[in-house]
Amino acid sequence: MNKLSTFSSLWGLPFFLLGTFFLSPSSAKAQPETSETFSQSLLWEIKGKELAQPSYLFGTIHLIGKDDFFIPKGTKTRFESCEVLALEIDMDNPMEIVKMTMAGMLGGKSLETQMDSIDYQRLKSFMLDTLGISTAEFNIAMRMQPMLASSLMYPKMIEGETVAYEERFMKEAKKRDMNVVGLESVSDQMGAISDIPMEAQLEMLMAYVDSFEVQKAMFQELVDIYRAQDLPQLAAMMDDTEELGEFEDVMLNNRNRKWIPKIEKLAKAKPTFIAVGAGHLWGEEGVIQLLQQEGYEVTPVRFFKEEEKPIQDQ
């Protein structure tokens, strides 16, 4: 079974408006030199080297059910100590969202012409009849790259109202007049998607059709592990996912490495709260270890209960 689509909520691209996310399949293979217990945190402090004040790194799940949403204790205080919020891309810039949408289109083509006719009819029936997606939404999705077309399916994995961590942090940043920046551009992200062959993208898309109910159950298991703040277990859950293996450098490792000098520059200038998909944090090529290799002290802020007054809509 293709597990890639199941675990796409924790991994990198912050397309929570479009719904396409990924988690590294091999980040469990090499881990930072920390104990299992020591590593169980979504929130990490970055200090040392040339930093006048600490910055913080937080692993998000881009889309989660409202009942499962939580902010670990200690996060609010650290967030309020920062002057800049850094996301994967600048979601505070409306033009970036427009660029993202336009860059994801197939340039006048349709997925119908890229797919086997039987698969296309199965996909259409599944999206319209099983998921209840409108005809207008379906028609738009069919003009997008397959990995973005699958965005309409993600919210269907979650019962009830959904919450996006990036959106929540961004609203809090606006209340505090914090500057919001992106670690990469839309063109960077779309370039990563474009490097994945159409055939592979279509295979990922059809995985939803073939195993949607199973993937829903697996997604909830992933959410439970996320709520336990267990980064090694999240990585281990993905260790047998082979589909993304050949694209890991393009979709994960290369991006992580490019982020490091940008994170360094931001943290040296002002205390910064960095919120990226949790799949980016762990492993030999994860942001935690890459920052450690640059000489920074990156240590977990180890709280496990919800904040008494969490970051939330007012």
Protein backbone atom coordinates (compact mmCIF):
# COMPACT_ATOMS: atom_id res chain seq x y z
CA MET A 1 0.00 0.00 0.00
CA ASN A 2 1.22 3.50 -0.73
CA LYS A 3 1.67 5.12 2.68
CA LEU A 4 3.04 8.39 1.35
CA SER A 5 -0.36 10.00 1.07
CA THR A 6 -1.36 8.91 4.56
CA PHE A 7 1.53 10.63 6.29
CA SER A 8 1.55 13.81 4.26
CA SER A 9 0.42 16.08 7.11
CA LEU A 10 3.72 16.31 8.94
CA TRP A 11 6.32 16.63 6.30
CA GLY A 12 7.25 19.75 4.61
CA LEU A 13 5.39 21.77 2.12
CA PRO A 14 3.05 24.07 3.99
CA PHE A 15 0.24 23.75 1.49
CA PHE A 16 -2.37 23.69 4.21
CA LEU A 17 -4.47 25.96 1.99
CA LEU A 18 -4.09 23.43 -0.80
CA GLY A 19 -3.69 20.47 1.51
CA THR A 20 -0.54 18.73 0.27
CA PHE A 21 2.00 17.78 2.96
CA PHE A 22 4.67 15.14 3.42
CA LEU A 23 6.66 13.41 6.15
CA SER A 24 10.17 12.08 5.59
CA PRO A 25 10.18 8.32 5.11
CA SER A 26 13.73 7.71 6.25
CA SER A 27 14.40 10.19 9.02
CA ALA A 28 14.51 7.36 11.57
CA LYS A 29 17.63 5.91 9.99
CA ALA A 30 20.00 8.42 11.58
CA GLN A 31 19.08 10.38 14.69
CA PRO A 32 20.64 13.22 16.67
CA GLU A 33 22.76 12.11 19.58
CA THR A 34 20.07 12.38 22.23
CA SER A 35 18.30 9.86 24.41
CA GLU A 36 14.84 8.64 23.44
CA THR A 37 13.18 10.52 26.32
CA PHE A 38 15.27 13.63 25.80
CA SER A 39 14.10 13.88 22.21
CA GLN A 40 10.37 13.80 22.92
CA SER A 41 9.46 17.42 22.31
CA LEU A 42 8.00 19.48 19.48
CA LEU A 43 9.66 22.64 20.81
CA TRP A 44 13.45 23.12 20.69
CA GLU A 45 15.61 25.98 21.91
CA ILE A 46 18.42 27.29 19.71
CA LYS A 47 21.23 29.13 21.51
CA GLY A 48 24.97 29.55 21.63
CA LYS A 49 27.46 30.53 18.96
CA GLU A 50 26.77 34.20 18.03
CA LEU A 51 23.19 34.42 19.31
CA ALA A 52 22.48 37.21 21.78
CA GLN A 53 19.13 35.62 22.65
CA PRO A 54 17.71 32.15 22.03
CA SER A 55 15.42 31.35 19.13
CA TYR A 56 12.99 28.42 18.99
CA LEU A 57 12.16 25.63 16.56
CA PHE A 58 8.67 24.07 16.56
CA GLY A 59 7.50 21.02 14.61
CA THR A 60 4.00 21.42 13.22
CA ILE A 61 1.38 19.15 11.78
CA HIS A 62 -0.04 21.25 9.02
CA LEU A 63 -3.65 20.14 9.34
CA ILE A 64 -5.25 18.50 12.37
CA GLY A 65 -8.72 18.04 13.85
CA LYS A 66 -9.83 20.77 16.23
CA ASP A 67 -10.25 18.23 19.06
CA ASP A 68 -6.67 17.02 18.57
CA PHE A 69 -5.09 20.46 18.30
CA PHE A 70 -2.87 21.43 21.22
CA ILE A 71 0.00 23.74 22.04
CA PRO A 72 2.62 22.16 24.34
CA LYS A 73 3.12 23.87 27.66
CA GLY A 74 5.96 26.37 27.47
CA THR A 75 5.37 27.26 23.82
CA LYS A 76 3.39 30.45 24.42
CA THR A 77 6.06 31.96 26.65
CA ARG A 78 8.81 31.17 24.14
CA PHE A 79 6.72 32.46 21.24
CA GLU A 80 6.17 35.76 23.05
CA SER A 81 9.91 36.14 23.62
CA CYS A 82 10.51 36.23 19.86
CA GLU A 83 10.26 39.13 17.42
CA VAL A 84 10.01 37.18 14.15
CA LEU A 85 7.91 34.21 13.02
CA ALA A 86 9.53 32.11 10.30
CA LEU A 87 7.36 29.63 8.38
CA GLU A 88 8.26 27.47 5.40
CA ILE A 89 6.92 30.21 3.14
CA ASP A 90 5.54 33.64 4.01
CA MET A 91 1.86 32.81 4.44
CA ASP A 92 1.22 36.42 5.47
CA ASN A 93 1.83 37.55 1.88
CA PRO A 94 -1.35 37.14 -0.25
CA MET A 95 0.71 37.25 -3.44
CA GLU A 96 2.64 34.17 -2.33
CA ILE A 97 -0.64 32.26 -2.09
CA VAL A 98 -1.64 33.44 -5.56
CA LYS A 99 1.76 32.44 -6.92
CA MET A 100 1.46 29.05 -5.26
CA THR A 101 -1.91 28.39 -6.84
CA MET A 102 -0.84 29.53 -10.30
CA ALA A 103 2.45 27.61 -10.16
CA GLY A 104 0.61 24.43 -9.33
CA MET A 105 -1.49 24.46 -12.48
CA LEU A 106 -0.71 22.24 -15.47
CA GLY A 107 -0.56 25.09 -17.95
CA GLY A 108 -3.89 24.51 -19.67
CA LYS A 109 -3.64 20.72 -19.57
CA SER A 110 -5.88 18.35 -17.65
CA LEU A 111 -5.10 15.29 -15.57
CA GLU A 112 -7.70 13.47 -17.67
CA THR A 113 -5.23 13.49 -20.57
CA GLN A 114 -2.40 12.29 -18.32
CA MET A 115 -4.22 9.31 -16.80
CA ASP A 116 -5.52 5.95 -17.83
CA SER A 117 -9.23 6.45 -18.62
CA ILE A 118 -10.32 3.80 -16.11
CA ASP A 119 -8.25 5.39 -13.34
CA TYR A 120 -9.64 8.80 -14.21
CA GLN A 121 -13.23 7.57 -13.90
CA ARG A 122 -12.41 5.87 -10.60
CA LEU A 123 -10.85 9.08 -9.33
CA LYS A 124 -13.79 11.18 -10.47
CA SER A 125 -16.34 8.86 -8.87
CA PHE A 126 -14.37 8.73 -5.63
CA MET A 127 -13.97 12.49 -5.33
CA LEU A 128 -17.49 13.44 -6.37
CA ASP A 129 -19.53 10.59 -4.94
CA THR A 130 -17.54 9.21 -2.01
CA LEU A 131 -15.94 12.41 -0.73
CA GLY A 132 -18.71 14.76 -1.83
CA ILE A 133 -16.38 17.26 -3.50
CA SER A 134 -18.22 19.70 -5.74
CA THR A 135 -17.95 19.51 -9.51
CA ALA A 136 -16.35 22.96 -9.59
CA GLU A 137 -13.68 21.91 -7.07
CA PHE A 138 -13.04 18.70 -8.99
CA ASN A 139 -12.61 20.57 -12.28
CA ILE A 140 -10.07 22.89 -10.68
CA ALA A 141 -8.20 19.95 -9.13
CA MET A 142 -7.94 18.24 -12.51
CA ARG A 143 -6.01 21.23 -13.86
CA MET A 144 -3.41 20.98 -11.09
CA GLN A 145 -0.36 18.81 -10.59
CA PRO A 146 -1.51 15.52 -9.03
CA MET A 147 0.22 16.14 -5.70
CA LEU A 148 -1.75 19.37 -5.39
CA ALA A 149 -4.96 17.85 -6.71
CA SER A 150 -4.86 15.48 -3.77
CA SER A 151 -5.27 18.50 -1.51
CA LEU A 152 -9.04 18.19 -1.67
CA MET A 153 -8.82 14.79 -0.02
CA TYR A 154 -6.81 15.70 3.07
CA PRO A 155 -9.57 17.42 5.05
CA LYS A 156 -11.76 14.37 4.41
CA MET A 157 -9.37 12.31 6.53
CA ILE A 158 -10.24 14.42 9.56
CA GLU A 159 -13.57 14.29 11.34
CA GLY A 160 -15.13 17.68 12.08
CA GLU A 161 -13.46 21.08 12.05
CA THR A 162 -9.77 21.34 11.18
CA VAL A 163 -6.97 23.60 12.44
CA ALA A 164 -3.69 24.60 10.78
CA TYR A 165 -0.80 25.30 13.16
CA GLU A 166 0.78 27.81 10.79
CA GLU A 167 -2.44 29.77 10.60
CA ARG A 168 -2.72 29.83 14.38
CA PHE A 169 0.85 31.03 14.85
CA MET A 170 0.39 33.63 12.14
CA LYS A 171 -2.70 35.08 13.83
CA GLU A 172 -0.83 35.28 17.11
CA ALA A 173 2.09 36.97 15.36
CA LYS A 174 -0.21 39.62 13.90
CA LYS A 175 -1.63 40.37 17.34
CA ARG A 176 1.91 40.95 18.58
CA ASP A 177 3.05 42.89 15.47
CA MET A 178 5.70 40.27 14.77
CA ASN A 179 7.31 40.14 11.35
CA VAL A 180 6.38 36.99 9.39
CA VAL A 181 8.93 35.62 6.93
CA GLY A 182 9.41 32.52 4.80
CA LEU A 183 12.41 30.19 4.72
CA GLU A 184 11.82 29.54 1.03
CA SER A 185 9.82 30.86 -1.89
CA VAL A 186 6.85 29.40 -3.75
CA SER A 187 9.12 28.77 -6.72
CA ASP A 188 11.44 26.74 -4.47
CA GLN A 189 8.55 24.55 -3.32
CA MET A 190 6.99 24.16 -6.73
CA GLY A 191 10.38 23.28 -8.15
CA ALA A 192 10.56 20.40 -5.68
CA ILE A 193 7.15 19.11 -6.75
CA SER A 194 7.97 19.49 -10.44
CA ASP A 195 11.03 17.31 -9.96
CA ILE A 196 8.76 14.37 -9.13
CA PRO A 197 7.69 12.62 -12.37
CA MET A 198 4.04 12.78 -13.38
CA GLU A 199 3.75 9.00 -13.21
CA ALA A 200 4.88 8.95 -9.58
CA GLN A 201 2.55 11.82 -8.65
CA LEU A 202 -0.39 10.02 -10.24
CA GLU A 203 0.47 6.86 -8.32
CA MET A 204 0.40 8.83 -5.07
CA LEU A 205 -2.92 10.39 -6.01
CA MET A 206 -4.55 7.04 -6.77
CA ALA A 207 -3.34 5.67 -3.44
CA TYR A 208 -6.10 7.70 -1.82
CA VAL A 209 -8.72 6.04 -3.96
CA ASP A 210 -7.43 2.53 -3.31
CA SER A 211 -6.91 2.70 0.45
CA PHE A 212 -8.60 5.80 1.78
CA GLU A 213 -10.27 4.27 4.85
CA VAL A 214 -7.09 2.47 5.88
CA GLN A 215 -5.13 5.68 5.48
CA LYS A 216 -7.62 7.58 7.63
CA ALA A 217 -6.98 5.13 10.47
CA MET A 218 -3.22 5.39 9.99
CA PHE A 219 -3.45 9.17 9.95
CA GLN A 220 -5.13 9.13 13.36
CA GLU A 221 -2.34 6.91 14.66
CA LEU A 222 0.16 9.45 13.40
CA VAL A 223 -1.78 12.25 15.13
CA ASP A 224 -1.66 10.34 18.42
CA ILE A 225 2.13 10.01 18.13
CA TYR A 226 2.40 13.70 17.25
CA ARG A 227 0.41 14.63 20.34
CA ALA A 228 2.87 12.53 22.37
CA GLN A 229 5.61 14.77 20.85
CA ASP A 230 7.59 11.68 19.94
CA LEU A 231 9.77 12.67 16.98
CA PRO A 232 11.71 9.37 16.85
CA GLN A 233 8.44 7.40 16.77
CA LEU A 234 7.06 9.62 14.01
CA ALA A 235 10.21 8.91 12.04
CA ALA A 236 10.07 5.19 12.81
CA MET A 237 6.47 5.04 11.61
CA MET A 238 7.67 6.25 8.24
CA ASP A 239 10.81 4.13 8.04
CA ASP A 240 9.20 1.48 5.82
CA THR A 241 7.66 3.99 3.42
CA GLU A 242 9.52 3.39 0.18
CA GLU A 243 7.60 5.55 -2.29
CA LEU A 244 9.28 8.84 -1.36
CA GLY A 245 12.75 7.38 -0.90
CA GLU A 246 14.11 8.37 -4.30
CA PHE A 247 12.70 11.89 -3.86
CA GLU A 248 13.87 12.44 -0.29
CA ASP A 249 16.72 14.76 -1.22
CA VAL A 250 14.49 16.88 -3.44
CA MET A 251 11.53 17.10 -1.07
CA LEU A 252 13.27 17.12 2.30
CA ASN A 253 17.05 17.05 2.69
CA ASN A 254 17.97 19.69 0.11
CA ARG A 255 15.39 22.04 1.54
CA ASN A 256 16.58 21.49 5.11
CA ARG A 257 20.17 22.30 4.14
CA LYS A 258 19.10 25.46 2.32
CA TRP A 259 17.14 26.61 5.37
CA ILE A 260 20.11 26.50 7.78
CA PRO A 261 21.92 29.70 6.66
CA LYS A 262 18.56 31.52 6.55
CA ILE A 263 17.70 30.36 10.07
CA GLU A 264 21.17 31.44 11.24
CA LYS A 265 20.77 34.90 9.71
CA LEU A 266 17.33 35.38 11.25
CA ALA A 267 18.35 34.14 14.70
CA LYS A 268 21.46 36.36 14.77
CA ALA A 269 19.42 39.45 13.91
CA LYS A 270 16.43 38.89 16.24
CA PRO A 271 14.99 36.09 18.39
CA THR A 272 12.94 34.02 15.94
CA PHE A 273 10.22 31.39 16.32
CA ILE A 274 10.61 28.88 13.48
CA ALA A 275 7.57 26.68 12.76
CA VAL A 276 8.02 23.97 10.11
CA GLY A 277 6.61 20.50 9.48
CA ALA A 278 7.70 18.08 12.22
CA GLY A 279 9.13 15.74 9.58
CA HIS A 280 11.88 18.29 8.97
CA LEU A 281 13.23 18.16 12.51
CA TRP A 282 14.57 14.65 13.11
CA GLY A 283 17.39 12.66 11.55
CA GLU A 284 20.91 13.11 10.24
CA GLU A 285 19.65 15.59 7.64
CA GLY A 286 17.05 17.10 9.98
CA VAL A 287 17.11 20.75 11.01
CA ILE A 288 18.01 19.90 14.63
CA GLN A 289 21.17 18.02 13.77
CA LEU A 290 22.16 20.36 10.94
CA LEU A 291 22.05 23.30 13.37
CA GLN A 292 24.02 21.29 15.93
CA GLN A 293 26.66 20.61 13.29
CA GLU A 294 26.97 24.38 12.78
CA GLY A 295 27.85 24.77 16.45
CA TYR A 296 24.50 25.72 17.98
CA GLU A 297 23.07 24.24 21.15
CA VAL A 298 19.69 22.82 20.11
CA THR A 299 17.86 21.30 23.06
CA PRO A 300 14.24 20.31 23.67
CA VAL A 301 11.87 22.32 25.80
CA ARG A 302 10.38 19.30 27.51
CA PHE A 303 6.80 19.94 28.50
CA PHE A 304 4.06 17.48 27.64
CA LYS A 305 0.78 19.06 28.80
CA GLU A 306 -1.33 21.66 27.05
CA GLU A 307 -0.69 25.31 27.82
CA GLU A 308 -3.12 26.68 30.40
CA LYS A 309 -3.79 29.63 28.08
CA PRO A 310 -2.79 28.29 24.65
CA ILE A 311 -2.27 30.25 21.48
CA GLN A 312 -5.76 30.36 20.05
CA ASP A 313 -8.26 32.50 18.18
CA GLN A 314 -9.63 35.36 20.26
